Amino acid sequence: MSKHTDDIQTEEALNSAEAAEFQSQKIREFVAEEAPDSRTPGPVDEHTARVPDQQNRMISQHNLRK
């Protein structure tokens, strides 16, 4: 009976490994197809995306006080 249990556990481990690999491959394919090209400009430019240093310093000080 122990050999049968070992066989079942081995098969389950192989099945879960195959399922994980399949899922990883599908996620990679989806990201490759659906993710936008990072080299193309989007609706946010560098000027509007950055927080000024003074504002960033004030936010940091405020968060440290909490």
PDB file of N, CA and C in Angstrom:
ATOM      1  N   MET A   1       0.823  -1.183   0.000  1.00  0.00           N
ATOM      2  CA  MET A   1       0.000   0.000   0.000  1.00  0.00           C
ATOM      3  C   MET A   1       0.872   1.253   0.000  1.00  0.00           C
ATOM      4  N   SER A   2       2.018   1.168   0.674  1.00  0.00           N
ATOM      5  CA  SER A   2       2.907   2.317   0.765  1.00  0.00           C
ATOM      6  C   SER A   2       3.434   2.707  -0.622  1.00  0.00           C
ATOM      7  N   LYS A   3       3.746   1.707  -1.448  1.00  0.00           N
ATOM      8  CA  LYS A   3       4.237   1.995  -2.801  1.00  0.00           C
ATOM      9  C   LYS A   3       3.160   2.696  -3.597  1.00  0.00           C
ATOM     10  N   HIS A   4       1.912   2.266  -3.445  1.00  0.00           N
ATOM     11  CA  HIS A   4       0.799   2.891  -4.152  1.00  0.00           C
ATOM     12  C   HIS A   4       0.641   4.359  -3.720  1.00  0.00           C
ATOM     13  N   THR A   5       0.781   4.622  -2.431  1.00  0.00           N
ATOM     14  CA  THR A   5       0.689   5.985  -1.910  1.00  0.00           C
ATOM     15  C   THR A   5       1.829   6.839  -2.445  1.00  0.00           C
ATOM     16  N   ASP A   6       3.033   6.263  -2.488  1.00  0.00           N
ATOM     17  CA  ASP A   6       4.184   6.993  -3.022  1.00  0.00           C
ATOM     18  C   ASP A   6       3.974   7.329  -4.504  1.00  0.00           C
ATOM     19  N   ASP A   7       3.418   6.373  -5.253  1.00  0.00           N
ATOM     20  CA  ASP A   7       3.150   6.610  -6.672  1.00  0.00           C
ATOM     21  C   ASP A   7       2.137   7.738  -6.858  1.00  0.00           C
ATOM     22  N   ILE A   8       1.123   7.743  -6.031  1.00  0.00           N
ATOM     23  CA  ILE A   8       0.096   8.792  -6.116  1.00  0.00           C
ATOM     24  C   ILE A   8       0.708  10.151  -5.782  1.00  0.00           C
ATOM     25  N   GLN A   9       1.519  10.210  -4.731  1.00  0.00           N
ATOM     26  CA  GLN A   9       2.146  11.475  -4.349  1.00  0.00           C
ATOM     27  C   GLN A   9       3.099  11.972  -5.431  1.00  0.00           C
ATOM     28  N   THR A  10       3.840  11.059  -6.040  1.00  0.00           N
ATOM     29  CA  THR A  10       4.750  11.425  -7.112  1.00  0.00           C
ATOM     30  C   THR A  10       3.977  11.962  -8.307  1.00  0.00           C
ATOM     31  N   GLU A  11       2.890  11.293  -8.651  1.00  0.00           N
ATOM     32  CA  GLU A  11       2.074  11.737  -9.778  1.00  0.00           C
ATOM     33  C   GLU A  11       1.450  13.102  -9.495  1.00  0.00           C
ATOM     34  N   GLU A  12       0.977  13.317  -8.267  1.00  0.00           N
ATOM     35  CA  GLU A  12       0.396  14.612  -7.912  1.00  0.00           C
ATOM     36  C   GLU A  12       1.442  15.717  -7.985  1.00  0.00           C
ATOM     37  N   ALA A  13       2.659  15.418  -7.551  1.00  0.00           N
ATOM     38  CA  ALA A  13       3.733  16.410  -7.610  1.00  0.00           C
ATOM     39  C   ALA A  13       4.053  16.763  -9.065  1.00  0.00           C
ATOM     40  N   LEU A  14       4.108  15.740  -9.917  1.00  0.00           N
ATOM     41  CA  LEU A  14       4.370  15.990 -11.338  1.00  0.00           C
ATOM     42  C   LEU A  14       3.240  16.793 -11.973  1.00  0.00           C
ATOM     43  N   ASN A  15       2.002  16.450 -11.637  1.00  0.00           N
ATOM     44  CA  ASN A  15       0.856  17.173 -12.187  1.00  0.00           C
ATOM     45  C   ASN A  15       0.854  18.630 -11.753  1.00  0.00           C
ATOM     46  N   SER A  16       1.173  18.885 -10.488  1.00  0.00           N
ATOM     47  CA  SER A  16       1.183  20.268 -10.014  1.00  0.00           C
ATOM     48  C   SER A  16       2.327  21.047 -10.653  1.00  0.00           C
ATOM     49  N   ALA A  17       3.465  20.398 -10.875  1.00  0.00           N
ATOM     50  CA  ALA A  17       4.588  21.066 -11.534  1.00  0.00           C
ATOM     51  C   ALA A  17       4.231  21.395 -12.975  1.00  0.00           C
ATOM     52  N   GLU A  18       3.580  20.466 -13.662  1.00  0.00           N
ATOM     53  CA  GLU A  18       3.149  20.716 -15.041  1.00  0.00           C
ATOM     54  C   GLU A  18       2.117  21.837 -15.094  1.00  0.00           C
ATOM     55  N   ALA A  19       1.200  21.837 -14.150  1.00  0.00           N
ATOM     56  CA  ALA A  19       0.178  22.881 -14.114  1.00  0.00           C
ATOM     57  C   ALA A  19       0.809  24.249 -13.856  1.00  0.00           C
ATOM     58  N   ALA A  20       1.782  24.311 -12.966  1.00  0.00           N
ATOM     59  CA  ALA A  20       2.459  25.569 -12.665  1.00  0.00           C
ATOM     60  C   ALA A  20       3.226  26.069 -13.889  1.00  0.00           C
ATOM     61  N   GLU A  21       3.899  25.173 -14.590  1.00  0.00           N
ATOM     62  CA  GLU A  21       4.634  25.555 -15.798  1.00  0.00           C
ATOM     63  C   GLU A  21       3.680  26.035 -16.887  1.00  0.00           C
ATOM     64  N   PHE A  22       2.561  25.355 -17.047  1.00  0.00           N
ATOM     65  CA  PHE A  22       1.557  25.753 -18.036  1.00  0.00           C
ATOM     66  C   PHE A  22       1.018  27.143 -17.710  1.00  0.00           C
ATOM     67  N   GLN A  23       0.708  27.371 -16.439  1.00  0.00           N
ATOM     68  CA  GLN A  23       0.182  28.675 -16.021  1.00  0.00           C
ATOM     69  C   GLN A  23       1.228  29.770 -16.246  1.00  0.00           C
ATOM     70  N   SER A  24       2.477  29.496 -15.911  1.00  0.00           N
ATOM     71  CA  SER A  24       3.540  30.478 -16.120  1.00  0.00           C
ATOM     72  C   SER A  24       3.685  30.820 -17.598  1.00  0.00           C
ATOM     73  N   GLN A  25       3.622  29.802 -18.441  1.00  0.00           N
ATOM     74  CA  GLN A  25       3.754  30.024 -19.881  1.00  0.00           C
ATOM     75  C   GLN A  25       2.594  30.872 -20.405  1.00  0.00           C
ATOM     76  N   LYS A  26       1.386  30.603 -19.954  1.00  0.00           N
ATOM     77  CA  LYS A  26       0.223  31.379 -20.399  1.00  0.00           C
ATOM     78  C   LYS A  26       0.314  32.832 -19.932  1.00  0.00           C
ATOM     79  N   ILE A  27       0.805  33.034 -18.716  1.00  0.00           N
ATOM     80  CA  ILE A  27       0.967  34.403 -18.207  1.00  0.00           C
ATOM     81  C   ILE A  27       2.012  35.134 -19.040  1.00  0.00           C
ATOM     82  N   ARG A  28       3.126  34.476 -19.348  1.00  0.00           N
ATOM     83  CA  ARG A  28       4.157  35.093 -20.185  1.00  0.00           C
ATOM     84  C   ARG A  28       3.594  35.477 -21.548  1.00  0.00           C
ATOM     85  N   GLU A  29       2.827  34.580 -22.155  1.00  0.00           N
ATOM     86  CA  GLU A  29       2.230  34.864 -23.460  1.00  0.00           C
ATOM     87  C   GLU A  29       1.270  36.049 -23.378  1.00  0.00           C
ATOM     88  N   PHE A  30       0.442  36.079 -22.344  1.00  0.00           N
ATOM     89  CA  PHE A  30      -0.515  37.164 -22.181  1.00  0.00           C
ATOM     90  C   PHE A  30       0.197  38.502 -22.016  1.00  0.00           C
ATOM     91  N   VAL A  31       1.219  38.520 -21.163  1.00  0.00           N
ATOM     92  CA  VAL A  31       1.947  39.765 -20.941  1.00  0.00           C
ATOM     93  C   VAL A  31       2.631  40.221 -22.223  1.00  0.00           C
ATOM     94  N   ALA A  32       3.217  39.280 -22.950  1.00  0.00           N
ATOM     95  CA  ALA A  32       3.897  39.641 -24.197  1.00  0.00           C
ATOM     96  C   ALA A  32       2.921  40.220 -25.212  1.00  0.00           C
ATOM     97  N   GLU A  33       1.696  39.705 -25.252  1.00  0.00           N
ATOM     98  CA  GLU A  33       0.716  40.172 -26.231  1.00  0.00           C
ATOM     99  C   GLU A  33       0.017  41.456 -25.786  1.00  0.00           C
ATOM    100  N   GLU A  34      -0.315  41.553 -24.505  1.00  0.00           N
ATOM    101  CA  GLU A  34      -1.172  42.632 -24.023  1.00  0.00           C
ATOM    102  C   GLU A  34      -0.436  43.839 -23.458  1.00  0.00           C
ATOM    103  N   ALA A  35       0.795  43.645 -22.987  1.00  0.00           N
ATOM    104  CA  ALA A  35       1.514  44.753 -22.361  1.00  0.00           C
ATOM    105  C   ALA A  35       1.907  45.773 -23.420  1.00  0.00           C
ATOM    106  N   PRO A  36       1.721  47.042 -23.126  1.00  0.00           N
ATOM    107  CA  PRO A  36       2.111  48.055 -24.101  1.00  0.00           C
ATOM    108  C   PRO A  36       3.630  48.142 -24.205  1.00  0.00           C
ATOM    109  N   ASP A  37       4.074  48.633 -25.321  1.00  0.00           N
ATOM    110  CA  ASP A  37       5.496  48.823 -25.535  1.00  0.00           C
ATOM    111  C   ASP A  37       5.951  49.997 -24.681  1.00  0.00           C
ATOM    112  N   SER A  38       6.915  49.781 -23.813  1.00  0.00           N
ATOM    113  CA  SER A  38       7.353  50.834 -22.890  1.00  0.00           C
ATOM    114  C   SER A  38       8.106  51.955 -23.611  1.00  0.00           C
ATOM    115  N   ARG A  39       8.488  51.719 -24.839  1.00  0.00           N
ATOM    116  CA  ARG A  39       9.218  52.742 -25.575  1.00  0.00           C
ATOM    117  C   ARG A  39       8.302  53.762 -26.221  1.00  0.00           C
ATOM    118  N   THR A  40       7.006  53.462 -26.287  1.00  0.00           N
ATOM    119  CA  THR A  40       6.081  54.412 -26.892  1.00  0.00           C
ATOM    120  C   THR A  40       5.602  55.396 -25.841  1.00  0.00           C
ATOM    121  N   PRO A  41       5.497  56.672 -26.193  1.00  0.00           N
ATOM    122  CA  PRO A  41       5.058  57.655 -25.203  1.00  0.00           C
ATOM    123  C   PRO A  41       3.588  57.450 -24.842  1.00  0.00           C
ATOM    124  N   GLY A  42       3.292  57.582 -23.573  1.00  0.00           N
ATOM    125  CA  GLY A  42       1.926  57.408 -23.107  1.00  0.00           C
ATOM    126  C   GLY A  42       1.304  58.746 -22.770  1.00  0.00           C
ATOM    127  N   PRO A  43       0.173  58.730 -22.059  1.00  0.00           N
ATOM    128  CA  PRO A  43      -0.513  59.977 -21.740  1.00  0.00           C
ATOM    129  C   PRO A  43       0.199  60.807 -20.676  1.00  0.00           C
ATOM    130  N   VAL A  44       1.173  60.219 -19.969  1.00  0.00           N
ATOM    131  CA  VAL A  44       1.893  60.944 -18.925  1.00  0.00           C
ATOM    132  C   VAL A  44       3.312  61.188 -19.416  1.00  0.00           C
ATOM    133  N   ASP A  45       3.737  62.437 -19.370  1.00  0.00           N
ATOM    134  CA  ASP A  45       5.110  62.715 -19.753  1.00  0.00           C
ATOM    135  C   ASP A  45       5.987  62.850 -18.509  1.00  0.00           C
ATOM    136  N   GLU A  46       7.257  63.008 -18.712  1.00  0.00           N
ATOM    137  CA  GLU A  46       8.208  63.039 -17.602  1.00  0.00           C
ATOM    138  C   GLU A  46       7.940  64.206 -16.659  1.00  0.00           C
ATOM    139  N   HIS A  47       7.487  65.329 -17.196  1.00  0.00           N
ATOM    140  CA  HIS A  47       7.242  66.514 -16.383  1.00  0.00           C
ATOM    141  C   HIS A  47       6.087  66.298 -15.397  1.00  0.00           C
ATOM    142  N   THR A  48       5.004  65.699 -15.847  1.00  0.00           N
ATOM    143  CA  THR A  48       3.845  65.518 -14.972  1.00  0.00           C
ATOM    144  C   THR A  48       3.951  64.272 -14.102  1.00  0.00           C
ATOM    145  N   ALA A  49       4.857  63.380 -14.421  1.00  0.00           N
ATOM    146  CA  ALA A  49       4.965  62.124 -13.678  1.00  0.00           C
ATOM    147  C   ALA A  49       5.797  62.266 -12.418  1.00  0.00           C
ATOM    148  N   ARG A  50       6.617  63.283 -12.349  1.00  0.00           N
ATOM    149  CA  ARG A  50       7.542  63.421 -11.221  1.00  0.00           C
ATOM    150  C   ARG A  50       7.007  64.394 -10.182  1.00  0.00           C
ATOM    151  N   VAL A  51       7.264  64.077  -8.922  1.00  0.00           N
ATOM    152  CA  VAL A  51       6.913  64.966  -7.820  1.00  0.00           C
ATOM    153  C   VAL A  51       8.121  65.865  -7.584  1.00  0.00           C
ATOM    154  N   PRO A  52       7.916  67.167  -7.463  1.00  0.00           N
ATOM    155  CA  PRO A  52       9.064  68.058  -7.204  1.00  0.00           C
ATOM    156  C   PRO A  52       9.778  67.679  -5.907  1.00  0.00           C
ATOM    157  N   ASP A  53      11.078  67.949  -5.839  1.00  0.00           N
ATOM    158  CA  ASP A  53      11.882  67.563  -4.669  1.00  0.00           C
ATOM    159  C   ASP A  53      11.339  68.158  -3.378  1.00  0.00           C
ATOM    160  N   GLN A  54      10.935  69.415  -3.413  1.00  0.00           N
ATOM    161  CA  GLN A  54      10.421  70.057  -2.208  1.00  0.00           C
ATOM    162  C   GLN A  54       9.149  69.356  -1.720  1.00  0.00           C
ATOM    163  N   GLN A  55       8.254  69.040  -2.634  1.00  0.00           N
ATOM    164  CA  GLN A  55       7.017  68.354  -2.248  1.00  0.00           C
ATOM    165  C   GLN A  55       7.326  66.960  -1.734  1.00  0.00           C
ATOM    166  N   ASN A  56       8.257  66.286  -2.357  1.00  0.00           N
ATOM    167  CA  ASN A  56       8.640  64.947  -1.932  1.00  0.00           C
ATOM    168  C   ASN A  56       9.222  64.986  -0.520  1.00  0.00           C
ATOM    169  N   ARG A  57      10.052  66.005  -0.213  1.00  0.00           N
ATOM    170  CA  ARG A  57      10.640  66.155   1.116  1.00  0.00           C
ATOM    171  C   ARG A  57       9.555  66.407   2.153  1.00  0.00           C
ATOM    172  N   MET A  58       8.589  67.247   1.816  1.00  0.00           N
ATOM    173  CA  MET A  58       7.511  67.549   2.758  1.00  0.00           C
ATOM    174  C   MET A  58       6.660  66.311   3.036  1.00  0.00           C
ATOM    175  N   ILE A  59       6.383  65.525   2.015  1.00  0.00           N
ATOM    176  CA  ILE A  59       5.605  64.293   2.179  1.00  0.00           C
ATOM    177  C   ILE A  59       6.368  63.322   3.075  1.00  0.00           C
ATOM    178  N   SER A  60       7.685  63.193   2.849  1.00  0.00           N
ATOM    179  CA  SER A  60       8.500  62.288   3.667  1.00  0.00           C
ATOM    180  C   SER A  60       8.490  62.711   5.130  1.00  0.00           C
ATOM    181  N   GLN A  61       8.636  64.015   5.392  1.00  0.00           N
ATOM    182  CA  GLN A  61       8.624  64.491   6.766  1.00  0.00           C
ATOM    183  C   GLN A  61       7.271  64.237   7.419  1.00  0.00           C
ATOM    184  N   HIS A  62       6.198  64.455   6.659  1.00  0.00           N
ATOM    185  CA  HIS A  62       4.863  64.217   7.194  1.00  0.00           C
ATOM    186  C   HIS A  62       4.675  62.739   7.564  1.00  0.00           C
ATOM    187  N   ASN A  63       5.134  61.866   6.687  1.00  0.00           N
ATOM    188  CA  ASN A  63       4.989  60.425   6.932  1.00  0.00           C
ATOM    189  C   ASN A  63       5.831  59.961   8.118  1.00  0.00           C
ATOM    190  N   LEU A  64       6.971  60.595   8.344  1.00  0.00           N
ATOM    191  CA  LEU A  64       7.803  60.224   9.488  1.00  0.00           C
ATOM    192  C   LEU A  64       7.145  60.619  10.810  1.00  0.00           C
ATOM    193  N   ARG A  65       6.330  61.649  10.791  1.00  0.00           N
ATOM    194  CA  ARG A  65       5.679  62.107  12.013  1.00  0.00           C
ATOM    195  C   ARG A  65       4.538  61.199  12.446  1.00  0.00           C
ATOM    196  N   LYS A  66       4.021  60.428  11.535  1.00  0.00           N
ATOM    197  CA  LYS A  66       2.870  59.563  11.863  1.00  0.00           C
ATOM    198  C   LYS A  66       3.246  58.477  12.817  1.00  0.00           C
TER     199      LYS A  66
END
